[in-house]
Amino acid sequence: MHEFLITNGYSALFLLSFLAATLIPLGSEWLLVALVIKGFAPLTLVLVASTGNILGACSSYYIGLVGSDFLTARLLRMSTDDRVRAERYFARYGSGCLLLSWLPVVGDPLCLVAGIMKVRVERFVLLVAIGKLARYAVVAWAALAGRHLLF
């Protein structure tokens, strides 16, 4: 599996980043680091990973926008506690909390709740993009710095 992901580089990173932004418990940072170490272009990797992750977040947003409680609970397996926690963040910090959509555990539910609360799509995409792009840029920078230490 690891070889498949490395061999397919950018497309594998896009797919993994997309899936990682849904409520599927995956991470994509490890592949970004592996590809940086393999010599792939860091800027391209950041853009590919960010685009996949943002589009994955948009799918959660859309499900929140048009989906039912049944769909949220059954298909996405989002617990009531996760949803309540995300709603509390929104109540306390407003849509600005979407800058934290990259965080594990709470980030994916925030995207779903943004759809439920009908946050304007332009605002949603802007805030989510800033957070996710910054995260992948930091990961790529750290991998690049680490790569120079290794070689």
Foldseek 3Di string as FASTA:
>chain_A
DLVVCLVVDLVSLLQQLLVVLALPPGDRLVSLLVNVLVPDDLVSSLVSSLVSNLVSLVVLLVCLQPNDPCCCCPVRVDDPVLLVVLVVCCVVPNLLCQLVLPDPSNNNSVSSVCNNVVPPPVSNSVSNSNNSSVVSSVSSVVSNVVSVVVD
